[in-house]
Amino acid sequence: NTLLARVFTDPVCGDGLCESPMEYAGFGRFGCQIDCGRYTNTTMVNFRFADLLSSKPGGWDLSGVNFQSRLDFTYNVWSEAM
């Protein structure tokens, strides 16, 4: 019983060993940066938002568009503040 407990223990973040697949390079609040280092394969992305109605894209006539419906926007953006 004690042999199994030693063999099948969950890795502990911060013990100095990067034990994959349970521990991996840290990214924000995910992973184990202490043992596995920081995840470095990232890309900087900048967003510029504009008001669709006031910008009149391509001279389109937007008067026939039903803006009463709910618009859903989703994103998956990470920041240092996470």
Protein backbone atom coordinates (compact mmCIF):
# COMPACT_ATOMS: atom_id res chain seq x y z
CA ASN A 1 0.00 0.00 0.00
CA THR A 2 2.80 2.46 0.78
CA LEU A 3 4.64 1.49 -2.42
CA LEU A 4 1.55 2.35 -4.49
CA ALA A 5 1.15 5.63 -2.63
CA ARG A 6 4.73 6.58 -3.53
CA VAL A 7 4.49 5.51 -7.17
CA PHE A 8 1.09 7.05 -7.88
CA THR A 9 1.38 10.45 -6.24
CA ASP A 10 0.08 13.61 -7.86
CA PRO A 11 2.80 16.05 -8.88
CA VAL A 12 3.22 19.10 -6.66
CA CYS A 13 3.87 22.46 -8.29
CA GLY A 14 6.88 24.04 -6.61
CA ASP A 15 8.85 20.88 -5.76
CA GLY A 16 11.56 21.64 -8.34
CA LEU A 17 10.50 18.92 -10.83
CA CYS A 18 8.47 19.54 -13.98
CA GLU A 19 6.41 16.35 -14.12
CA SER A 20 4.52 16.23 -17.40
CA PRO A 21 1.79 15.81 -18.45
CA MET A 22 0.21 17.14 -15.25
CA GLU A 23 2.68 20.02 -14.97
CA TYR A 24 3.52 22.23 -17.93
CA ALA A 25 4.98 25.66 -18.72
CA GLY A 26 3.14 28.46 -16.94
CA PHE A 27 0.77 30.74 -18.82
CA GLY A 28 -1.13 33.28 -16.73
CA ARG A 29 -2.81 31.36 -13.93
CA PHE A 30 -2.40 28.01 -15.72
CA GLY A 31 0.49 25.56 -15.59
CA CYS A 32 3.41 25.44 -13.18
CA GLN A 33 5.78 28.31 -13.90
CA ILE A 34 7.89 27.58 -10.81
CA ASP A 35 8.89 24.09 -12.00
CA CYS A 36 8.46 24.26 -15.79
CA GLY A 37 9.23 27.88 -16.60
CA ARG A 38 7.11 30.40 -18.46
CA TYR A 39 5.24 29.51 -21.67
CA THR A 40 6.96 31.61 -24.33
CA ASN A 41 5.20 30.66 -27.58
CA THR A 42 2.88 33.69 -27.59
CA THR A 43 1.96 36.38 -30.09
CA MET A 44 1.17 40.04 -29.39
CA VAL A 45 -2.19 41.05 -30.81
CA ASN A 46 -3.67 44.55 -30.90
CA PHE A 47 -7.37 45.28 -31.34
CA ARG A 48 -8.90 48.47 -32.70
CA PHE A 49 -12.64 48.74 -32.23
CA ALA A 50 -14.85 51.16 -34.16
CA ASP A 51 -18.51 51.99 -34.01
CA LEU A 52 -20.13 50.24 -36.97
CA LEU A 53 -23.01 52.70 -37.29
CA SER A 54 -20.98 55.89 -37.22
CA SER A 55 -18.19 54.58 -39.46
CA LYS A 56 -20.52 53.77 -42.42
CA PRO A 57 -18.34 50.95 -43.78
CA GLY A 58 -18.09 51.01 -47.56
CA GLY A 59 -21.07 53.37 -47.83
CA TRP A 60 -23.46 50.59 -46.78
CA ASP A 61 -27.09 51.46 -46.00
CA LEU A 62 -27.61 49.99 -42.54
CA SER A 63 -31.13 51.36 -42.07
CA GLY A 64 -32.72 47.96 -42.82
CA VAL A 65 -30.65 46.05 -40.25
CA ASN A 66 -32.51 44.88 -37.13
CA PHE A 67 -30.29 46.04 -34.27
CA GLN A 68 -32.87 44.99 -31.66
CA SER A 69 -31.56 41.43 -31.70
CA ARG A 70 -28.89 40.49 -29.20
CA LEU A 71 -25.36 40.58 -30.60
CA ASP A 72 -22.96 38.04 -29.12
CA PHE A 73 -19.23 38.48 -29.27
CA THR A 74 -16.86 35.98 -27.73
CA TYR A 75 -13.12 36.08 -27.33
CA ASN A 76 -10.28 34.21 -25.73
CA VAL A 77 -7.66 36.81 -24.95
CA TRP A 78 -5.10 36.44 -22.18
CA SER A 79 -3.52 39.34 -20.37
CA GLU A 80 -0.94 39.83 -17.63
CA ALA A 81 -3.80 40.79 -15.29
CA MET A 82 -5.28 37.27 -15.29
